[in-house]
Amino acid sequence: MPTAVLAFRKAFMSHNTFGHLFRVTTYGESHGAAIGCIVDGVPPLIPLAPEDLQVWLEKRRPGQSRFTTQRQEPDQVKILSGVMDDGSGTMVTTGTSIGLLIDNVDQRSKDYGEIAKSYRPGHADFTYDAKYGIRDYRGGGRSSARETAMRVAAAGIARKIISGVTIRGALVQMGPHKVDRSRFDWNEVNNNPFFCPDAKAAVDWEAYLDGVRKAGSSCGAVIELVAEGVPAGWGAPIYGKLDAELASALMSINAVKGVEIGDGMASAALSGEDNADEMRMGADGRPVFLSNHAGGILGGISTGQPVVARFAVKPTSSILTPRLSVDRTGAEVELRTKGRHDPCVGIRGVPVGEAMMAIVLADAMMRHRAQVGVPRAWPFEQ
């Protein structure tokens, strides 16, 4: 094979890395010894301790209610490299790569023994086997949502870089049941096991999901993300659009099948007059948008308004209801998936979505500064 082709394969075909200047490379499998990541591009002298990352991992950790997988993983993150004492007792980043590790402590690989040679419908079993000629049947290996814990840990570092930005996520639809927007309250998100911003909907969802769980089935969900404090100017035209980077990041999350920015698909039903985010001058002498149909991004560049995105998560594919499939020999089989699974994987998708938005925004900020330097004045202030 030509040297140039080998070099290309080594550089671009691992597909375990996300980001440009702020880069996250994850490793590990659902039932391996551990999962981990390397975070590159972190500026030096940022205070960083394990508890800065642990607080976000606690939101994602399994087994916290009857509505998530009962796998008991403490998800205690270790910082292996890239930090040191600054002389005052504070651990700070050094500017070198940061290594993070989380041990797996509650694997039950035997739960998957019966399906070792069968392809679970809705899973990546068949596609992994078709691509690599081998697949990890123990919980899905790299295709398992277990991998997303490292994204959440890495995003704890990203949040330190964009410290002036607030990122919040909420579950706004479970199965066919949507929240009532008139009752939307961010303060309710942490008062229920669903990250639901509607107190009444959260109560209704308990009964609904109990029924789904007891039936051995599953349901999908829609998660909404809002980032406030993002200044105008982040992102780039054409191939570096902020909304394109965000869509790519959210689509990389396991089980995500759709992403929209701002009004998204609903924009198709609007008129040009309704869709246009009109502008007036604010009291501070800067422009104010009168609406935010664009979700805080125009031309791939942030407007200074809240960045709004939603993503749809399909129903968990691991269910107890027998499903038709085939095995590696081509034999037709009927199988059901045993083990411990989320009846609605979208619940724990909320902190993962927040994490990917944080990583994208940290990377966008660093790329923006690299190209244009210090924040620019508004055109009419120059």
Protein backbone atom coordinates (compact mmCIF):
# COMPACT_ATOMS: atom_id res chain seq x y z
CA MET A 1 0.00 0.00 0.00
CA PRO A 2 1.40 3.48 -0.91
CA THR A 3 2.97 5.43 1.97
CA ALA A 4 0.58 8.36 1.43
CA VAL A 5 -2.45 6.08 1.79
CA LEU A 6 -1.07 4.55 4.98
CA ALA A 7 -0.43 8.01 6.41
CA PHE A 8 -4.00 9.05 5.56
CA ARG A 9 -5.42 5.97 7.25
CA LYS A 10 -3.38 6.53 10.39
CA ALA A 11 -4.36 10.19 10.62
CA PHE A 12 -8.02 10.16 9.72
CA MET A 13 -9.61 6.75 10.05
CA SER A 14 -9.77 6.04 13.76
CA HIS A 15 -12.83 8.25 14.28
CA ASN A 16 -12.50 8.32 18.06
CA THR A 17 -11.66 12.04 18.21
CA PHE A 18 -13.98 15.05 18.18
CA GLY A 19 -13.09 18.75 17.92
CA HIS A 20 -10.44 20.91 16.27
CA LEU A 21 -8.49 23.01 18.78
CA PHE A 22 -10.30 21.57 21.82
CA ARG A 23 -10.04 17.87 21.00
CA VAL A 24 -11.52 14.91 22.84
CA THR A 25 -10.42 11.33 22.11
CA THR A 26 -12.33 8.59 23.97
CA TYR A 27 -11.50 4.93 24.47
CA GLY A 28 -12.89 1.87 26.23
CA GLU A 29 -15.90 -0.43 26.03
CA SER A 30 -19.03 -1.02 28.05
CA HIS A 31 -17.70 -4.25 29.60
CA GLY A 32 -13.98 -3.52 29.46
CA ALA A 33 -11.78 -2.73 32.46
CA ALA A 34 -12.28 1.02 32.14
CA ILE A 35 -13.29 3.88 29.89
CA GLY A 36 -11.20 6.98 29.39
CA CYS A 37 -10.32 9.96 27.25
CA ILE A 38 -7.52 12.32 26.30
CA VAL A 39 -8.37 16.03 26.13
CA ASP A 40 -5.99 18.10 24.02
CA GLY A 41 -5.76 21.85 23.51
CA VAL A 42 -6.70 22.93 27.03
CA PRO A 43 -5.16 26.31 27.89
CA PRO A 44 -2.76 26.35 30.86
CA LEU A 45 -3.38 27.67 34.39
CA ILE A 46 -7.07 26.75 34.60
CA PRO A 47 -7.90 25.42 38.09
CA LEU A 48 -9.02 21.81 37.67
CA ALA A 49 -9.81 19.12 40.23
CA PRO A 50 -11.76 15.83 39.92
CA GLU A 51 -14.75 17.36 41.70
CA ASP A 52 -15.08 19.92 38.89
CA LEU A 53 -15.88 17.00 36.58
CA GLN A 54 -17.65 14.73 39.07
CA VAL A 55 -20.54 17.12 39.57
CA TRP A 56 -21.57 16.63 35.93
CA LEU A 57 -21.01 12.87 35.98
CA GLU A 58 -23.42 12.61 38.90
CA LYS A 59 -26.21 13.87 36.63
CA ARG A 60 -25.54 11.10 34.13
CA ARG A 61 -24.69 8.26 36.55
CA PRO A 62 -26.85 5.11 36.14
CA GLY A 63 -29.00 3.52 38.81
CA GLN A 64 -30.30 6.71 40.41
CA SER A 65 -33.99 5.86 39.96
CA ARG A 66 -36.17 2.97 38.83
CA PHE A 67 -36.46 4.69 35.46
CA THR A 68 -32.84 4.10 34.40
CA THR A 69 -30.58 1.06 34.10
CA GLN A 70 -29.81 -0.50 37.47
CA ARG A 71 -26.16 -1.03 36.61
CA GLN A 72 -24.31 0.37 39.63
CA GLU A 73 -21.37 2.41 38.38
CA PRO A 74 -19.99 5.09 40.74
CA ASP A 75 -18.31 6.78 37.74
CA GLN A 76 -15.49 8.21 39.85
CA VAL A 77 -13.22 10.08 37.45
CA LYS A 78 -9.44 10.20 37.86
CA ILE A 79 -7.22 12.89 36.36
CA LEU A 80 -4.07 11.11 35.20
CA SER A 81 -2.13 13.90 33.49
CA GLY A 82 -2.07 17.51 32.42
CA VAL A 83 -2.42 19.13 35.86
CA MET A 84 -0.04 20.11 38.65
CA ASP A 85 0.11 22.13 41.86
CA ASP A 86 0.67 25.81 41.08
CA GLY A 87 2.58 26.26 44.34
CA SER A 88 -0.39 27.40 46.39
CA GLY A 89 -2.09 24.02 46.72
CA THR A 90 -4.35 24.55 43.71
CA MET A 91 -4.20 22.04 40.86
CA VAL A 92 -4.12 23.81 37.49
CA THR A 93 -3.86 22.71 33.88
CA THR A 94 -0.39 22.71 32.36
CA GLY A 95 -1.33 23.14 28.69
CA THR A 96 -0.46 19.52 27.93
CA SER A 97 -2.89 16.69 27.23
CA ILE A 98 -5.23 15.77 30.08
CA GLY A 99 -5.88 12.07 30.67
CA LEU A 100 -9.14 11.02 32.34
CA LEU A 101 -10.14 7.52 33.49
CA ILE A 102 -13.25 5.87 34.92
CA ASP A 103 -13.13 2.24 36.08
CA ASN A 104 -15.95 -0.13 35.12
CA VAL A 105 -16.98 -2.00 38.26
CA ASP A 106 -20.39 -3.58 37.58
CA GLN A 107 -20.19 -5.51 34.30
CA ARG A 108 -22.33 -8.61 33.82
CA SER A 109 -21.13 -10.00 30.51
CA LYS A 110 -22.94 -13.30 31.11
CA ASP A 111 -26.24 -11.47 30.53
CA TYR A 112 -25.30 -11.28 26.85
CA GLY A 113 -24.07 -14.84 26.31
CA GLU A 114 -27.27 -16.00 24.60
CA ILE A 115 -27.03 -13.31 21.91
CA ALA A 116 -23.29 -13.59 21.22
CA LYS A 117 -23.94 -14.74 17.65
CA SER A 118 -27.28 -13.06 16.98
CA TYR A 119 -27.90 -9.55 15.74
CA ARG A 120 -30.20 -7.53 17.98
CA PRO A 121 -32.71 -5.52 15.92
CA GLY A 122 -32.14 -1.79 16.29
CA HIS A 123 -28.59 -2.27 17.60
CA ALA A 124 -25.25 -1.81 15.85
CA ASP A 125 -24.47 -5.53 16.06
CA PHE A 126 -24.87 -6.19 12.35
CA THR A 127 -23.17 -3.01 11.14
CA TYR A 128 -20.13 -3.45 13.40
CA ASP A 129 -19.78 -7.05 12.22
CA ALA A 130 -20.18 -5.99 8.59
CA LYS A 131 -17.48 -3.34 8.97
CA TYR A 132 -14.91 -5.03 11.22
CA GLY A 133 -15.66 -8.75 10.98
CA ILE A 134 -16.01 -8.80 14.77
CA ARG A 135 -18.28 -7.16 17.29
CA ASP A 136 -18.38 -6.86 21.05
CA TYR A 137 -21.67 -8.46 22.09
CA ARG A 138 -21.08 -7.61 25.80
CA GLY A 139 -23.35 -4.60 26.10
CA GLY A 140 -22.45 -3.34 22.66
CA GLY A 141 -18.82 -2.46 23.32
CA ARG A 142 -18.04 0.98 21.83
CA SER A 143 -21.61 1.37 20.59
CA SER A 144 -22.87 1.35 24.18
CA ALA A 145 -24.03 4.55 25.84
CA ARG A 146 -21.45 3.73 28.52
CA GLU A 147 -18.91 5.55 26.32
CA THR A 148 -20.74 8.86 26.82
CA ALA A 149 -19.57 9.14 30.43
CA MET A 150 -16.20 10.30 29.13
CA ARG A 151 -17.82 13.01 27.04
CA VAL A 152 -19.50 14.33 30.17
CA ALA A 153 -16.19 14.30 32.04
CA ALA A 154 -14.35 16.06 29.19
CA ALA A 155 -17.12 18.64 28.98
CA GLY A 156 -16.44 19.57 32.60
CA ILE A 157 -13.14 20.95 31.31
CA ALA A 158 -14.88 22.66 28.38
CA ARG A 159 -17.26 24.40 30.78
CA LYS A 160 -14.26 25.87 32.62
CA ILE A 161 -13.00 27.34 29.34
CA ILE A 162 -16.36 28.96 28.51
CA SER A 163 -17.05 29.96 32.10
CA GLY A 164 -19.35 32.84 31.10
CA VAL A 165 -21.72 30.54 29.21
CA THR A 166 -24.58 28.70 30.92
CA ILE A 167 -25.75 25.46 29.31
CA ARG A 168 -28.98 23.81 30.37
CA GLY A 169 -30.84 20.78 29.07
CA ALA A 170 -34.33 19.40 29.62
CA LEU A 171 -36.42 16.45 28.48
CA VAL A 172 -39.34 18.04 26.61
CA GLN A 173 -40.97 14.91 25.20
CA MET A 174 -41.16 11.30 26.36
CA GLY A 175 -42.66 8.92 23.85
CA PRO A 176 -45.70 10.78 22.46
CA HIS A 177 -46.07 12.95 25.57
CA LYS A 178 -44.82 16.55 25.36
CA VAL A 179 -44.36 19.19 28.05
CA ASP A 180 -46.79 22.11 28.25
CA ARG A 181 -44.73 25.14 27.20
CA SER A 182 -46.89 27.41 29.37
CA ARG A 183 -45.59 25.51 32.43
CA PHE A 184 -41.93 25.40 31.29
CA ASP A 185 -39.77 26.14 34.35
CA TRP A 186 -36.00 25.51 34.42
CA ASN A 187 -36.18 25.32 38.22
CA GLU A 188 -38.24 22.12 37.93
CA VAL A 189 -35.59 20.24 35.94
CA ASN A 190 -33.72 18.98 39.01
CA ASN A 191 -36.89 18.23 41.00
CA ASN A 192 -37.78 15.01 39.18
CA PRO A 193 -35.95 11.97 37.74
CA PHE A 194 -36.60 12.99 34.11
CA PHE A 195 -34.96 16.45 33.91
CA CYS A 196 -38.46 17.60 33.00
CA PRO A 197 -39.24 21.37 33.11
CA ASP A 198 -42.98 20.79 33.57
CA ALA A 199 -43.94 19.57 37.05
CA LYS A 200 -47.29 18.14 35.95
CA ALA A 201 -45.83 16.34 32.96
CA ALA A 202 -43.17 14.79 35.21
CA VAL A 203 -45.90 13.22 37.36
CA ASP A 204 -47.73 11.91 34.29
CA TRP A 205 -44.50 10.49 32.87
CA GLU A 206 -43.91 8.40 35.99
CA ALA A 207 -47.05 6.37 35.36
CA TYR A 208 -46.36 6.16 31.63
CA LEU A 209 -42.76 4.99 31.99
CA ASP A 210 -43.66 2.54 34.76
CA GLY A 211 -46.00 0.88 32.28
CA VAL A 212 -43.33 0.81 29.59
CA ARG A 213 -40.74 -0.59 32.00
CA LYS A 214 -42.99 -3.31 33.42
CA ALA A 215 -43.89 -4.38 29.89
CA GLY A 216 -40.20 -4.88 29.14
CA SER A 217 -40.43 -2.26 26.40
CA SER A 218 -38.92 1.18 25.83
CA CYS A 219 -39.71 4.64 24.48
CA GLY A 220 -37.94 7.54 22.81
CA ALA A 221 -37.54 11.16 23.85
CA VAL A 222 -36.71 14.70 22.75
CA ILE A 223 -34.13 16.78 24.63
CA GLU A 224 -33.84 20.56 24.40
CA LEU A 225 -30.57 22.41 25.01
CA VAL A 226 -30.10 26.13 25.61
CA ALA A 227 -26.75 27.92 25.90
CA GLU A 228 -26.95 31.47 27.25
CA GLY A 229 -24.08 33.94 27.30
CA VAL A 230 -22.63 32.92 23.93
CA PRO A 231 -21.32 36.15 22.35
CA ALA A 232 -21.88 37.08 18.72
CA GLY A 233 -19.21 35.86 16.34
CA TRP A 234 -18.50 32.22 17.24
CA GLY A 235 -18.57 29.79 14.36
CA ALA A 236 -17.47 30.17 10.75
CA PRO A 237 -19.09 30.40 7.33
CA ILE A 238 -19.60 27.48 4.95
CA TYR A 239 -17.76 24.43 6.36
CA GLY A 240 -17.25 25.52 9.95
CA LYS A 241 -20.80 26.55 10.76
CA LEU A 242 -21.59 26.51 14.47
CA ASP A 243 -24.94 24.82 13.84
CA ALA A 244 -23.30 22.19 11.63
CA GLU A 245 -20.68 21.43 14.31
CA LEU A 246 -23.42 21.23 16.94
CA ALA A 247 -25.57 18.95 14.79
CA SER A 248 -22.59 16.68 14.17
CA ALA A 249 -21.82 16.52 17.88
CA LEU A 250 -25.38 15.69 18.89
CA MET A 251 -25.79 13.13 16.11
CA SER A 252 -22.69 11.36 17.42
CA ILE A 253 -24.53 10.50 20.65
CA ASN A 254 -25.79 6.92 20.76
CA ALA A 255 -29.42 6.46 19.63
CA VAL A 256 -29.86 10.04 18.34
CA LYS A 257 -31.84 10.10 15.09
CA GLY A 258 -32.61 13.78 14.57
CA VAL A 259 -31.32 17.28 15.43
CA GLU A 260 -32.84 20.71 14.93
CA ILE A 261 -31.59 24.22 15.63
CA GLY A 262 -33.99 26.96 16.71
CA ASP A 263 -37.43 26.34 15.24
CA GLY A 264 -35.90 23.54 13.16
CA MET A 265 -38.45 21.53 11.19
CA ALA A 266 -41.23 23.87 12.25
CA SER A 267 -39.56 26.62 10.20
CA ALA A 268 -40.94 25.01 7.06
CA ALA A 269 -44.48 26.01 8.07
CA LEU A 270 -43.60 29.66 8.78
CA SER A 271 -43.83 32.58 6.39
CA GLY A 272 -40.81 34.73 5.67
CA GLU A 273 -42.36 37.47 7.80
CA ASP A 274 -42.88 35.14 10.76
CA ASN A 275 -39.47 33.50 10.52
CA ALA A 276 -37.39 36.68 10.30
CA ASP A 277 -35.82 37.62 13.63
CA GLU A 278 -36.35 41.38 13.53
CA MET A 279 -33.88 43.75 15.21
CA ARG A 280 -34.07 47.06 17.06
CA MET A 281 -31.53 49.08 19.00
CA GLY A 282 -31.32 48.37 22.70
CA ALA A 283 -30.81 50.83 25.54
CA ASP A 284 -27.13 49.90 25.65
CA GLY A 285 -26.62 50.95 22.05
CA ARG A 286 -26.40 47.41 20.75
CA PRO A 287 -28.89 45.51 18.57
CA VAL A 288 -31.65 43.48 20.17
CA PHE A 289 -33.45 40.63 18.42
CA LEU A 290 -37.22 40.56 18.85
CA SER A 291 -37.43 36.76 18.41
CA ASN A 292 -35.12 33.76 18.12
CA HIS A 293 -36.45 31.46 15.40
CA ALA A 294 -32.86 30.94 14.21
CA GLY A 295 -31.78 29.46 17.55
CA GLY A 296 -29.01 32.00 18.06
CA ILE A 297 -27.11 31.15 14.85
CA LEU A 298 -27.19 32.93 11.46
CA GLY A 299 -24.89 32.04 8.58
CA GLY A 300 -23.21 29.52 10.84
CA ILE A 301 -22.15 32.27 13.29
CA SER A 302 -23.61 32.99 16.73
CA THR A 303 -25.82 36.07 17.05
CA GLY A 304 -25.41 36.68 20.77
CA GLN A 305 -28.85 35.23 21.49
CA PRO A 306 -29.31 31.92 23.31
CA VAL A 307 -28.18 28.98 21.21
CA VAL A 308 -31.09 26.53 21.08
CA ALA A 309 -31.00 22.93 19.85
CA ARG A 310 -33.17 19.85 20.21
CA PHE A 311 -32.40 16.22 19.47
CA ALA A 312 -34.54 13.11 19.21
CA VAL A 313 -33.49 9.82 20.80
CA LYS A 314 -34.98 6.56 19.56
CA PRO A 315 -36.43 3.93 21.92
CA THR A 316 -33.83 1.74 23.63
CA SER A 317 -33.27 -1.25 21.35
CA SER A 318 -32.67 -3.70 24.22
CA ILE A 319 -36.17 -4.93 25.11
CA LEU A 320 -37.66 -8.12 26.52
CA THR A 321 -40.28 -8.48 23.78
CA PRO A 322 -39.15 -11.21 21.35
CA ARG A 323 -38.05 -9.78 17.97
CA LEU A 324 -37.22 -11.45 14.67
CA SER A 325 -33.62 -11.39 13.49
CA VAL A 326 -30.79 -13.50 12.04
CA ASP A 327 -27.47 -14.75 13.37
CA ARG A 328 -23.94 -14.79 11.94
CA THR A 329 -24.62 -18.07 10.11
CA GLY A 330 -27.66 -16.64 8.35
CA ALA A 331 -30.14 -18.62 10.42
CA GLU A 332 -33.40 -16.87 11.27
CA VAL A 333 -33.86 -16.45 15.02
CA GLU A 334 -36.21 -14.90 17.56
CA LEU A 335 -34.52 -13.20 20.48
CA ARG A 336 -35.02 -10.86 23.39
CA THR A 337 -32.32 -8.90 25.20
CA LYS A 338 -31.74 -9.64 28.86
CA GLY A 339 -29.70 -7.40 31.15
CA ARG A 340 -30.10 -3.97 32.72
CA HIS A 341 -31.28 -1.30 30.32
CA ASP A 342 -32.82 2.16 30.33
CA PRO A 343 -36.52 2.04 29.41
CA CYS A 344 -35.96 5.58 28.11
CA VAL A 345 -32.32 6.28 27.27
CA GLY A 346 -33.27 9.90 26.60
CA ILE A 347 -33.33 10.62 30.35
CA ARG A 348 -29.58 10.25 30.73
CA GLY A 349 -29.20 11.82 27.30
CA VAL A 350 -29.83 15.23 28.87
CA PRO A 351 -26.40 15.62 30.56
CA VAL A 352 -24.74 14.04 27.53
CA GLY A 353 -26.36 16.59 25.23
CA GLU A 354 -25.24 19.40 27.52
CA ALA A 355 -21.73 17.96 27.39
CA MET A 356 -21.53 17.89 23.61
CA MET A 357 -22.81 21.46 23.40
CA ALA A 358 -20.12 22.54 25.88
CA ILE A 359 -17.39 20.81 23.87
CA VAL A 360 -18.56 22.41 20.62
CA LEU A 361 -18.74 25.88 22.18
CA ALA A 362 -15.31 25.60 23.81
CA ASP A 363 -13.83 24.58 20.48
CA ALA A 364 -15.70 27.40 18.69
CA MET A 365 -14.43 29.99 21.17
CA MET A 366 -10.83 28.85 20.78
CA ARG A 367 -11.06 28.79 16.98
CA HIS A 368 -12.64 32.24 16.97
CA ARG A 369 -9.88 33.69 19.14
CA ALA A 370 -7.23 31.98 17.00
CA GLN A 371 -8.56 33.63 13.85
CA VAL A 372 -9.67 37.12 14.91
CA GLY A 373 -7.96 37.66 18.26
CA VAL A 374 -9.71 39.72 20.93
CA PRO A 375 -13.48 40.26 20.65
CA ARG A 376 -14.30 42.79 17.92
CA ALA A 377 -16.30 45.97 18.40
CA TRP A 378 -19.74 46.20 16.82
CA PRO A 379 -19.56 47.66 13.27
CA PHE A 380 -21.19 50.93 14.28
CA GLU A 381 -18.85 51.28 17.28
CA GLN A 382 -15.70 51.30 15.16
